[in-house]
PDB file of N, CA and C in Angstrom:
ATOM      1  N   MET A   1      47.843  29.677 -11.877  1.00  0.00           N
ATOM      2  CA  MET A   1      47.444  29.930 -13.182  1.00  0.00           C
ATOM      3  C   MET A   1      47.243  31.551 -13.432  1.00  0.00           C
ATOM      4  N   THR A   2      47.586  31.974 -14.712  1.00  0.00           N
ATOM      5  CA  THR A   2      47.704  33.583 -14.808  1.00  0.00           C
ATOM      6  C   THR A   2      46.303  34.031 -15.107  1.00  0.00           C
ATOM      7  N   GLN A   3      45.993  35.256 -15.135  1.00  0.00           N
ATOM      8  CA  GLN A   3      44.834  35.843 -15.473  1.00  0.00           C
ATOM      9  C   GLN A   3      44.475  35.728 -17.145  1.00  0.00           C
ATOM     10  N   LEU A   4      45.654  35.620 -17.855  1.00  0.00           N
ATOM     11  CA  LEU A   4      45.590  35.364 -19.119  1.00  0.00           C
ATOM     12  C   LEU A   4      45.162  34.044 -19.538  1.00  0.00           C
ATOM     13  N   GLU A   5      45.870  33.000 -18.770  1.00  0.00           N
ATOM     14  CA  GLU A   5      45.429  31.544 -19.217  1.00  0.00           C
ATOM     15  C   GLU A   5      43.955  31.336 -18.514  1.00  0.00           C
ATOM     16  N   LEU A   6      43.461  32.085 -17.501  1.00  0.00           N
ATOM     17  CA  LEU A   6      42.067  31.829 -17.113  1.00  0.00           C
ATOM     18  C   LEU A   6      41.218  32.428 -18.108  1.00  0.00           C
ATOM     19  N   ALA A   7      41.637  33.736 -18.610  1.00  0.00           N
ATOM     20  CA  ALA A   7      40.701  34.166 -19.799  1.00  0.00           C
ATOM     21  C   ALA A   7      40.762  33.576 -21.040  1.00  0.00           C
ATOM     22  N   MET A   8      41.749  32.952 -21.335  1.00  0.00           N
ATOM     23  CA  MET A   8      41.675  31.984 -22.382  1.00  0.00           C
ATOM     24  C   MET A   8      40.985  30.606 -22.394  1.00  0.00           C
ATOM     25  N   LYS A   9      40.852  30.216 -21.134  1.00  0.00           N
ATOM     26  CA  LYS A   9      40.021  28.922 -20.744  1.00  0.00           C
ATOM     27  C   LYS A   9      38.594  29.511 -20.892  1.00  0.00           C
ATOM     28  N   TYR A  10      38.099  30.486 -20.300  1.00  0.00           N
ATOM     29  CA  TYR A  10      36.670  30.941 -20.379  1.00  0.00           C
ATOM     30  C   TYR A  10      36.434  31.087 -21.906  1.00  0.00           C
ATOM     31  N   ARG A  11      37.340  31.847 -22.724  1.00  0.00           N
ATOM     32  CA  ARG A  11      37.194  32.097 -24.048  1.00  0.00           C
ATOM     33  C   ARG A  11      36.899  30.766 -24.910  1.00  0.00           C
ATOM     34  N   GLU A  12      37.685  29.760 -24.669  1.00  0.00           N
ATOM     35  CA  GLU A  12      37.518  28.397 -25.257  1.00  0.00           C
ATOM     36  C   GLU A  12      36.263  27.763 -24.827  1.00  0.00           C
ATOM     37  N   SER A  13      35.816  28.053 -23.632  1.00  0.00           N
ATOM     38  CA  SER A  13      34.445  27.534 -23.388  1.00  0.00           C
ATOM     39  C   SER A  13      33.214  28.289 -23.997  1.00  0.00           C
ATOM     40  N   GLY A  14      33.498  29.062 -24.871  1.00  0.00           N
ATOM     41  CA  GLY A  14      32.262  29.896 -25.377  1.00  0.00           C
ATOM     42  C   GLY A  14      32.024  31.202 -24.596  1.00  0.00           C
ATOM     43  N   LEU A  15      32.841  31.570 -23.796  1.00  0.00           N
ATOM     44  CA  LEU A  15      32.421  32.905 -23.062  1.00  0.00           C
ATOM     45  C   LEU A  15      33.222  34.257 -23.424  1.00  0.00           C
ATOM     46  N   GLN A  16      32.626  35.237 -23.442  1.00  0.00           N
ATOM     47  CA  GLN A  16      33.064  36.403 -23.890  1.00  0.00           C
ATOM     48  C   GLN A  16      33.588  37.087 -22.654  1.00  0.00           C
ATOM     49  N   VAL A  17      35.105  37.303 -22.473  1.00  0.00           N
ATOM     50  CA  VAL A  17      35.643  37.990 -21.456  1.00  0.00           C
ATOM     51  C   VAL A  17      36.015  39.473 -21.727  1.00  0.00           C
ATOM     52  N   LEU A  18      35.990  40.135 -20.593  1.00  0.00           N
ATOM     53  CA  LEU A  18      36.420  41.517 -20.494  1.00  0.00           C
ATOM     54  C   LEU A  18      37.304  41.659 -19.420  1.00  0.00           C
ATOM     55  N   ALA A  19      38.184  42.671 -19.505  1.00  0.00           N
ATOM     56  CA  ALA A  19      39.224  42.835 -18.599  1.00  0.00           C
ATOM     57  C   ALA A  19      38.729  44.118 -17.731  1.00  0.00           C
ATOM     58  N   LEU A  20      38.501  43.895 -16.384  1.00  0.00           N
ATOM     59  CA  LEU A  20      38.167  44.735 -15.342  1.00  0.00           C
ATOM     60  C   LEU A  20      39.402  45.235 -14.494  1.00  0.00           C
ATOM     61  N   ARG A  21      39.052  46.412 -14.075  1.00  0.00           N
ATOM     62  CA  ARG A  21      40.129  47.053 -13.180  1.00  0.00           C
ATOM     63  C   ARG A  21      40.381  46.321 -12.188  1.00  0.00           C
ATOM     64  N   GLU A  22      41.812  46.535 -11.706  1.00  0.00           N
ATOM     65  CA  GLU A  22      42.156  45.779 -10.370  1.00  0.00           C
ATOM     66  C   GLU A  22      41.280  45.910  -9.298  1.00  0.00           C
ATOM     67  N   ASN A  23      40.991  44.749  -8.556  1.00  0.00           N
ATOM     68  CA  ASN A  23      39.959  44.642  -7.351  1.00  0.00           C
ATOM     69  C   ASN A  23      38.825  45.524  -7.599  1.00  0.00           C
ATOM     70  N   SER A  24      38.318  45.299  -8.913  1.00  0.00           N
ATOM     71  CA  SER A  24      36.885  46.089  -9.189  1.00  0.00           C
ATOM     72  C   SER A  24      36.075  45.251 -10.118  1.00  0.00           C
ATOM     73  N   LYS A  25      34.810  45.585 -10.403  1.00  0.00           N
ATOM     74  CA  LYS A  25      33.990  45.037 -11.346  1.00  0.00           C
ATOM     75  C   LYS A  25      33.775  45.980 -12.451  1.00  0.00           C
ATOM     76  N   GLU A  26      34.645  47.089 -12.584  1.00  0.00           N
ATOM     77  CA  GLU A  26      34.524  48.162 -13.441  1.00  0.00           C
ATOM     78  C   GLU A  26      35.421  47.684 -14.687  1.00  0.00           C
ATOM     79  N   PRO A  27      34.916  47.839 -16.045  1.00  0.00           N
ATOM     80  CA  PRO A  27      35.419  47.347 -17.102  1.00  0.00           C
ATOM     81  C   PRO A  27      36.541  48.385 -17.347  1.00  0.00           C
ATOM     82  N   LEU A  28      37.664  47.961 -18.216  1.00  0.00           N
ATOM     83  CA  LEU A  28      38.884  48.955 -18.269  1.00  0.00           C
ATOM     84  C   LEU A  28      38.468  49.722 -19.404  1.00  0.00           C
ATOM     85  N   GLU A  29      37.378  49.311 -20.260  1.00  0.00           N
ATOM     86  CA  GLU A  29      37.221  50.277 -21.434  1.00  0.00           C
ATOM     87  C   GLU A  29      35.610  49.988 -21.783  1.00  0.00           C
ATOM     88  N   PRO A  30      35.183  50.892 -22.677  1.00  0.00           N
ATOM     89  CA  PRO A  30      33.590  50.668 -23.100  1.00  0.00           C
ATOM     90  C   PRO A  30      33.496  48.964 -23.697  1.00  0.00           C
ATOM     91  N   TRP A  31      32.394  48.378 -23.175  1.00  0.00           N
ATOM     92  CA  TRP A  31      32.297  46.963 -23.597  1.00  0.00           C
ATOM     93  C   TRP A  31      31.234  46.939 -24.680  1.00  0.00           C
ATOM     94  N   LYS A  32      30.354  47.634 -24.963  1.00  0.00           N
ATOM     95  CA  LYS A  32      29.350  47.280 -25.731  1.00  0.00           C
ATOM     96  C   LYS A  32      29.787  46.673 -27.180  1.00  0.00           C
ATOM     97  N   GLU A  33      30.621  47.145 -27.821  1.00  0.00           N
ATOM     98  CA  GLU A  33      31.305  46.508 -29.115  1.00  0.00           C
ATOM     99  C   GLU A  33      31.486  44.965 -29.027  1.00  0.00           C
ATOM    100  N   TYR A  34      31.958  44.610 -27.754  1.00  0.00           N
ATOM    101  CA  TYR A  34      32.241  43.153 -27.358  1.00  0.00           C
ATOM    102  C   TYR A  34      31.312  42.266 -27.302  1.00  0.00           C
ATOM    103  N   GLN A  35      29.786  42.846 -27.388  1.00  0.00           N
ATOM    104  CA  GLN A  35      28.614  42.034 -27.362  1.00  0.00           C
ATOM    105  C   GLN A  35      28.452  41.671 -28.624  1.00  0.00           C
ATOM    106  N   GLN A  36      29.061  42.210 -29.568  1.00  0.00           N
ATOM    107  CA  GLN A  36      28.830  41.652 -31.057  1.00  0.00           C
ATOM    108  C   GLN A  36      30.202  40.724 -31.564  1.00  0.00           C
ATOM    109  N   ARG A  37      31.273  41.083 -31.032  1.00  0.00           N
ATOM    110  CA  ARG A  37      32.348  40.190 -31.473  1.00  0.00           C
ATOM    111  C   ARG A  37      33.292  39.809 -30.441  1.00  0.00           C
ATOM    112  N   PRO A  38      33.831  38.790 -30.637  1.00  0.00           N
ATOM    113  CA  PRO A  38      34.760  38.290 -29.626  1.00  0.00           C
ATOM    114  C   PRO A  38      36.034  39.000 -29.624  1.00  0.00           C
ATOM    115  N   LEU A  39      36.850  38.907 -28.581  1.00  0.00           N
ATOM    116  CA  LEU A  39      38.256  39.621 -28.514  1.00  0.00           C
ATOM    117  C   LEU A  39      39.137  38.963 -29.517  1.00  0.00           C
ATOM    118  N   THR A  40      40.101  39.545 -30.283  1.00  0.00           N
ATOM    119  CA  THR A  40      40.912  38.572 -30.893  1.00  0.00           C
ATOM    120  C   THR A  40      42.030  38.210 -30.126  1.00  0.00           C
ATOM    121  N   ASP A  41      42.890  37.389 -30.614  1.00  0.00           N
ATOM    122  CA  ASP A  41      43.989  36.718 -29.617  1.00  0.00           C
ATOM    123  C   ASP A  41      44.917  37.861 -29.282  1.00  0.00           C
ATOM    124  N   SER A  42      45.194  38.875 -29.986  1.00  0.00           N
ATOM    125  CA  SER A  42      46.132  39.888 -29.706  1.00  0.00           C
ATOM    126  C   SER A  42      45.352  40.799 -28.718  1.00  0.00           C
ATOM    127  N   GLU A  43      44.035  41.096 -28.749  1.00  0.00           N
ATOM    128  CA  GLU A  43      43.298  41.915 -27.748  1.00  0.00           C
ATOM    129  C   GLU A  43      43.294  41.099 -26.481  1.00  0.00           C
ATOM    130  N   LEU A  44      43.099  39.938 -26.377  1.00  0.00           N
ATOM    131  CA  LEU A  44      43.110  39.163 -25.092  1.00  0.00           C
ATOM    132  C   LEU A  44      44.459  39.089 -24.548  1.00  0.00           C
ATOM    133  N   PHE A  45      45.445  39.106 -25.345  1.00  0.00           N
ATOM    134  CA  PHE A  45      46.752  39.236 -24.675  1.00  0.00           C
ATOM    135  C   PHE A  45      47.151  40.510 -24.090  1.00  0.00           C
ATOM    136  N   GLU A  46      46.778  41.459 -25.061  1.00  0.00           N
ATOM    137  CA  GLU A  46      47.107  42.719 -24.423  1.00  0.00           C
ATOM    138  C   GLU A  46      46.382  43.263 -23.174  1.00  0.00           C
ATOM    139  N   ARG A  47      45.225  42.686 -23.029  1.00  0.00           N
ATOM    140  CA  ARG A  47      44.227  43.208 -21.990  1.00  0.00           C
ATOM    141  C   ARG A  47      44.597  42.439 -20.608  1.00  0.00           C
ATOM    142  N   PHE A  48      45.273  41.143 -20.798  1.00  0.00           N
ATOM    143  CA  PHE A  48      45.366  40.235 -19.720  1.00  0.00           C
ATOM    144  C   PHE A  48      46.841  39.929 -19.397  1.00  0.00           C
ATOM    145  N   LYS A  49      47.737  40.594 -20.377  1.00  0.00           N
ATOM    146  CA  LYS A  49      49.245  40.473 -19.788  1.00  0.00           C
ATOM    147  C   LYS A  49      49.464  40.802 -18.573  1.00  0.00           C
ATOM    148  N   ASP A  50      48.779  41.670 -18.047  1.00  0.00           N
ATOM    149  CA  ASP A  50      49.062  42.418 -16.421  1.00  0.00           C
ATOM    150  C   ASP A  50      48.157  41.399 -15.682  1.00  0.00           C
ATOM    151  N   ASP A  51      48.617  40.696 -14.963  1.00  0.00           N
ATOM    152  CA  ASP A  51      48.091  39.658 -14.198  1.00  0.00           C
ATOM    153  C   ASP A  51      47.052  40.367 -13.137  1.00  0.00           C
ATOM    154  N   ARG A  52      47.094  41.652 -13.081  1.00  0.00           N
ATOM    155  CA  ARG A  52      46.462  42.414 -11.821  1.00  0.00           C
ATOM    156  C   ARG A  52      45.091  42.740 -12.532  1.00  0.00           C
ATOM    157  N   LYS A  53      44.545  42.485 -13.619  1.00  0.00           N
ATOM    158  CA  LYS A  53      43.283  42.533 -14.124  1.00  0.00           C
ATOM    159  C   LYS A  53      42.235  41.585 -13.510  1.00  0.00           C
ATOM    160  N   ASN A  54      41.251  42.003 -13.290  1.00  0.00           N
ATOM    161  CA  ASN A  54      40.145  41.141 -13.152  1.00  0.00           C
ATOM    162  C   ASN A  54      39.572  40.708 -14.221  1.00  0.00           C
ATOM    163  N   ILE A  55      38.761  39.449 -14.193  1.00  0.00           N
ATOM    164  CA  ILE A  55      37.974  39.121 -15.467  1.00  0.00           C
ATOM    165  C   ILE A  55      36.616  39.188 -15.324  1.00  0.00           C
ATOM    166  N   GLY A  56      35.848  39.696 -16.124  1.00  0.00           N
ATOM    167  CA  GLY A  56      34.622  39.868 -16.344  1.00  0.00           C
ATOM    168  C   GLY A  56      34.045  38.891 -17.571  1.00  0.00           C
ATOM    169  N   ILE A  57      32.885  38.739 -17.458  1.00  0.00           N
ATOM    170  CA  ILE A  57      32.220  37.764 -18.510  1.00  0.00           C
ATOM    171  C   ILE A  57      31.008  38.215 -19.052  1.00  0.00           C
ATOM    172  N   LEU A  58      30.662  38.524 -20.278  1.00  0.00           N
ATOM    173  CA  LEU A  58      29.496  39.201 -20.731  1.00  0.00           C
ATOM    174  C   LEU A  58      28.637  38.382 -20.689  1.00  0.00           C
ATOM    175  N   CYS A  59      27.326  38.566 -20.545  1.00  0.00           N
ATOM    176  CA  CYS A  59      26.212  37.566 -20.650  1.00  0.00           C
ATOM    177  C   CYS A  59      25.439  37.789 -21.963  1.00  0.00           C
ATOM    178  N   GLY A  60      24.591  36.958 -22.517  1.00  0.00           N
ATOM    179  CA  GLY A  60      23.925  37.206 -23.575  1.00  0.00           C
ATOM    180  C   GLY A  60      24.421  36.341 -24.792  1.00  0.00           C
ATOM    181  N   PRO A  61      23.973  36.509 -26.005  1.00  0.00           N
ATOM    182  CA  PRO A  61      24.372  35.655 -27.148  1.00  0.00           C
ATOM    183  C   PRO A  61      25.634  35.424 -27.307  1.00  0.00           C
ATOM    184  N   ILE A  62      26.508  36.455 -27.198  1.00  0.00           N
ATOM    185  CA  ILE A  62      28.243  36.312 -27.215  1.00  0.00           C
ATOM    186  C   ILE A  62      28.827  35.431 -26.297  1.00  0.00           C
ATOM    187  N   SER A  63      28.004  35.016 -25.129  1.00  0.00           N
ATOM    188  CA  SER A  63      28.566  33.901 -24.323  1.00  0.00           C
ATOM    189  C   SER A  63      27.492  32.795 -24.248  1.00  0.00           C
ATOM    190  N   ASN A  64      26.917  32.225 -25.434  1.00  0.00           N
ATOM    191  CA  ASN A  64      26.416  31.146 -25.539  1.00  0.00           C
ATOM    192  C   ASN A  64      25.081  31.420 -24.784  1.00  0.00           C
ATOM    193  N   ASN A  65      24.287  32.468 -24.748  1.00  0.00           N
ATOM    194  CA  ASN A  65      23.176  33.075 -23.993  1.00  0.00           C
ATOM    195  C   ASN A  65      23.430  32.884 -22.289  1.00  0.00           C
ATOM    196  N   LEU A  66      24.335  32.986 -21.726  1.00  0.00           N
ATOM    197  CA  LEU A  66      24.532  33.020 -20.426  1.00  0.00           C
ATOM    198  C   LEU A  66      23.740  34.173 -19.734  1.00  0.00           C
ATOM    199  N   LEU A  67      22.892  33.726 -18.783  1.00  0.00           N
ATOM    200  CA  LEU A  67      22.149  34.460 -18.087  1.00  0.00           C
ATOM    201  C   LEU A  67      22.602  34.443 -16.551  1.00  0.00           C
ATOM    202  N   VAL A  68      22.680  35.501 -16.003  1.00  0.00           N
ATOM    203  CA  VAL A  68      22.950  35.524 -14.554  1.00  0.00           C
ATOM    204  C   VAL A  68      22.004  36.564 -13.905  1.00  0.00           C
ATOM    205  N   ILE A  69      21.503  35.860 -12.783  1.00  0.00           N
ATOM    206  CA  ILE A  69      20.540  36.786 -12.043  1.00  0.00           C
ATOM    207  C   ILE A  69      20.936  37.056 -10.647  1.00  0.00           C
ATOM    208  N   ASP A  70      21.014  38.381 -10.312  1.00  0.00           N
ATOM    209  CA  ASP A  70      21.831  38.730  -9.141  1.00  0.00           C
ATOM    210  C   ASP A  70      20.961  39.171  -8.132  1.00  0.00           C
ATOM    211  N   PHE A  71      20.845  38.480  -6.818  1.00  0.00           N
ATOM    212  CA  PHE A  71      20.072  38.857  -5.708  1.00  0.00           C
ATOM    213  C   PHE A  71      21.377  39.341  -4.833  1.00  0.00           C
ATOM    214  N   ASP A  72      21.003  40.776  -4.359  1.00  0.00           N
ATOM    215  CA  ASP A  72      21.774  41.382  -3.493  1.00  0.00           C
ATOM    216  C   ASP A  72      21.487  40.802  -2.112  1.00  0.00           C
ATOM    217  N   SER A  73      20.426  39.975  -1.813  1.00  0.00           N
ATOM    218  CA  SER A  73      20.584  39.546  -0.325  1.00  0.00           C
ATOM    219  C   SER A  73      19.861  38.039  -0.434  1.00  0.00           C
ATOM    220  N   LYS A  74      20.178  37.212   0.536  1.00  0.00           N
ATOM    221  CA  LYS A  74      19.490  35.779   0.416  1.00  0.00           C
ATOM    222  C   LYS A  74      18.132  36.162   0.712  1.00  0.00           C
ATOM    223  N   ARG A  75      17.587  37.010   1.389  1.00  0.00           N
ATOM    224  CA  ARG A  75      16.170  37.228   1.681  1.00  0.00           C
ATOM    225  C   ARG A  75      15.551  37.373   0.278  1.00  0.00           C
ATOM    226  N   ALA A  76      15.931  38.330  -0.580  1.00  0.00           N
ATOM    227  CA  ALA A  76      15.660  38.460  -1.837  1.00  0.00           C
ATOM    228  C   ALA A  76      15.469  37.147  -2.601  1.00  0.00           C
ATOM    229  N   PHE A  77      16.520  36.472  -2.481  1.00  0.00           N
ATOM    230  CA  PHE A  77      16.452  35.252  -3.467  1.00  0.00           C
ATOM    231  C   PHE A  77      15.219  34.414  -3.073  1.00  0.00           C
ATOM    232  N   GLU A  78      15.245  34.081  -1.438  1.00  0.00           N
ATOM    233  CA  GLU A  78      14.146  33.292  -1.071  1.00  0.00           C
ATOM    234  C   GLU A  78      12.844  33.727  -1.531  1.00  0.00           C
ATOM    235  N   GLU A  79      12.682  35.239  -1.563  1.00  0.00           N
ATOM    236  CA  GLU A  79      11.366  35.750  -1.870  1.00  0.00           C
ATOM    237  C   GLU A  79      10.948  35.058  -3.208  1.00  0.00           C
ATOM    238  N   TYR A  80      11.800  35.073  -4.217  1.00  0.00           N
ATOM    239  CA  TYR A  80      11.732  34.700  -5.688  1.00  0.00           C
ATOM    240  C   TYR A  80      11.901  33.266  -5.938  1.00  0.00           C
ATOM    241  N   ARG A  81      12.443  32.589  -4.997  1.00  0.00           N
ATOM    242  CA  ARG A  81      12.884  31.220  -5.312  1.00  0.00           C
ATOM    243  C   ARG A  81      11.721  30.269  -6.117  1.00  0.00           C
ATOM    244  N   ARG A  82      10.599  30.486  -5.399  1.00  0.00           N
ATOM    245  CA  ARG A  82       9.335  29.469  -5.985  1.00  0.00           C
ATOM    246  C   ARG A  82       9.351  29.776  -7.384  1.00  0.00           C
ATOM    247  N   ASP A  83       9.356  31.148  -7.697  1.00  0.00           N
ATOM    248  CA  ASP A  83       8.984  31.375  -9.117  1.00  0.00           C
ATOM    249  C   ASP A  83      10.232  30.826 -10.251  1.00  0.00           C
ATOM    250  N   LEU A  84      11.452  30.833  -9.588  1.00  0.00           N
ATOM    251  CA  LEU A  84      12.505  30.470 -10.381  1.00  0.00           C
ATOM    252  C   LEU A  84      13.058  28.839 -10.274  1.00  0.00           C
ATOM    253  N   GLU A  85      12.125  28.193  -9.617  1.00  0.00           N
ATOM    254  CA  GLU A  85      12.568  26.891  -9.352  1.00  0.00           C
ATOM    255  C   GLU A  85      12.803  26.088 -10.730  1.00  0.00           C
ATOM    256  N   PRO A  86      12.031  26.272 -11.686  1.00  0.00           N
ATOM    257  CA  PRO A  86      12.409  25.448 -12.954  1.00  0.00           C
ATOM    258  C   PRO A  86      13.715  25.756 -13.565  1.00  0.00           C
ATOM    259  N   LEU A  87      13.995  27.239 -13.312  1.00  0.00           N
ATOM    260  CA  LEU A  87      15.411  27.427 -13.571  1.00  0.00           C
ATOM    261  C   LEU A  87      16.611  26.908 -12.874  1.00  0.00           C
ATOM    262  N   LEU A  88      16.103  27.135 -11.342  1.00  0.00           N
ATOM    263  CA  LEU A  88      17.274  26.574 -10.628  1.00  0.00           C
ATOM    264  C   LEU A  88      17.588  25.126 -10.686  1.00  0.00           C
ATOM    265  N   ASN A  89      16.824  24.195 -11.092  1.00  0.00           N
ATOM    266  CA  ASN A  89      16.809  22.855 -11.151  1.00  0.00           C
ATOM    267  C   ASN A  89      17.907  22.555 -12.100  1.00  0.00           C
ATOM    268  N   ARG A  90      18.123  23.584 -13.286  1.00  0.00           N
ATOM    269  CA  ARG A  90      19.070  23.305 -14.119  1.00  0.00           C
ATOM    270  C   ARG A  90      19.977  24.555 -14.247  1.00  0.00           C
ATOM    271  N   SER A  91      20.503  25.152 -13.307  1.00  0.00           N
ATOM    272  CA  SER A  91      21.427  26.174 -13.128  1.00  0.00           C
ATOM    273  C   SER A  91      22.537  25.927 -12.086  1.00  0.00           C
ATOM    274  N   LEU A  92      23.463  26.597 -12.185  1.00  0.00           N
ATOM    275  CA  LEU A  92      24.619  26.784 -11.034  1.00  0.00           C
ATOM    276  C   LEU A  92      24.103  27.952 -10.151  1.00  0.00           C
ATOM    277  N   VAL A  93      24.172  27.804  -9.044  1.00  0.00           N
ATOM    278  CA  VAL A  93      23.933  28.759  -7.983  1.00  0.00           C
ATOM    279  C   VAL A  93      24.757  29.034  -7.156  1.00  0.00           C
ATOM    280  N   THR A  94      25.437  30.303  -7.346  1.00  0.00           N
ATOM    281  CA  THR A  94      26.734  30.553  -6.385  1.00  0.00           C
ATOM    282  C   THR A  94      26.141  31.421  -5.263  1.00  0.00           C
ATOM    283  N   LYS A  95      26.729  31.329  -4.174  1.00  0.00           N
ATOM    284  CA  LYS A  95      26.399  32.250  -2.936  1.00  0.00           C
ATOM    285  C   LYS A  95      27.703  33.241  -2.721  1.00  0.00           C
ATOM    286  N   THR A  96      27.301  34.506  -2.545  1.00  0.00           N
ATOM    287  CA  THR A  96      28.298  35.489  -2.481  1.00  0.00           C
ATOM    288  C   THR A  96      28.250  35.968  -0.996  1.00  0.00           C
ATOM    289  N   ARG A  97      28.917  36.675  -0.631  1.00  0.00           N
ATOM    290  CA  ARG A  97      29.199  37.314   0.603  1.00  0.00           C
ATOM    291  C   ARG A  97      27.534  38.022   1.153  1.00  0.00           C
ATOM    292  N   ARG A  98      27.075  38.812   0.260  1.00  0.00           N
ATOM    293  CA  ARG A  98      25.773  39.214   0.477  1.00  0.00           C
ATOM    294  C   ARG A  98      24.570  38.611   0.115  1.00  0.00           C
ATOM    295  N   GLY A  99      24.678  37.791  -1.152  1.00  0.00           N
ATOM    296  CA  GLY A  99      23.531  37.631  -1.862  1.00  0.00           C
ATOM    297  C   GLY A  99      23.863  36.258  -2.587  1.00  0.00           C
ATOM    298  N   VAL A 100      23.062  36.064  -3.530  1.00  0.00           N
ATOM    299  CA  VAL A 100      22.992  34.699  -4.434  1.00  0.00           C
ATOM    300  C   VAL A 100      22.997  35.049  -5.965  1.00  0.00           C
ATOM    301  N   HIS A 101      23.632  34.272  -6.993  1.00  0.00           N
ATOM    302  CA  HIS A 101      23.836  34.386  -8.210  1.00  0.00           C
ATOM    303  C   HIS A 101      23.342  32.815  -8.923  1.00  0.00           C
ATOM    304  N   PRO A 102      22.135  32.897  -9.340  1.00  0.00           N
ATOM    305  CA  PRO A 102      21.595  31.798 -10.144  1.00  0.00           C
ATOM    306  C   PRO A 102      22.427  31.862 -11.672  1.00  0.00           C
ATOM    307  N   VAL A 103      23.087  31.041 -12.122  1.00  0.00           N
ATOM    308  CA  VAL A 103      23.695  31.121 -13.602  1.00  0.00           C
ATOM    309  C   VAL A 103      22.993  30.353 -14.292  1.00  0.00           C
ATOM    310  N   SER A 104      22.706  30.500 -15.410  1.00  0.00           N
ATOM    311  CA  SER A 104      22.012  29.429 -16.522  1.00  0.00           C
ATOM    312  C   SER A 104      22.812  29.758 -18.016  1.00  0.00           C
TER     313      SER A 104
END
């Protein structure tokens, strides 16, 4: 599946996608305006026709109130786990190389 196809699937799922630099988490362009409006079809195509772009997803109202909490270490996650228990029971939790991302 190409990056364009993935970006389209994310958008169809109600998520606002952003093009990121290759092998990076850095957006290709200022992203603030995209908190208010979705990418058009032509903008989506233009940004992801190059299959080397990474895909980022904006959180908040533009993405159906997606919330991501980023813990940079498993130790930090464990420290707050009890406080987050109600959220964690209804969330996806992704483990990364160094940390943990609960996603709601």
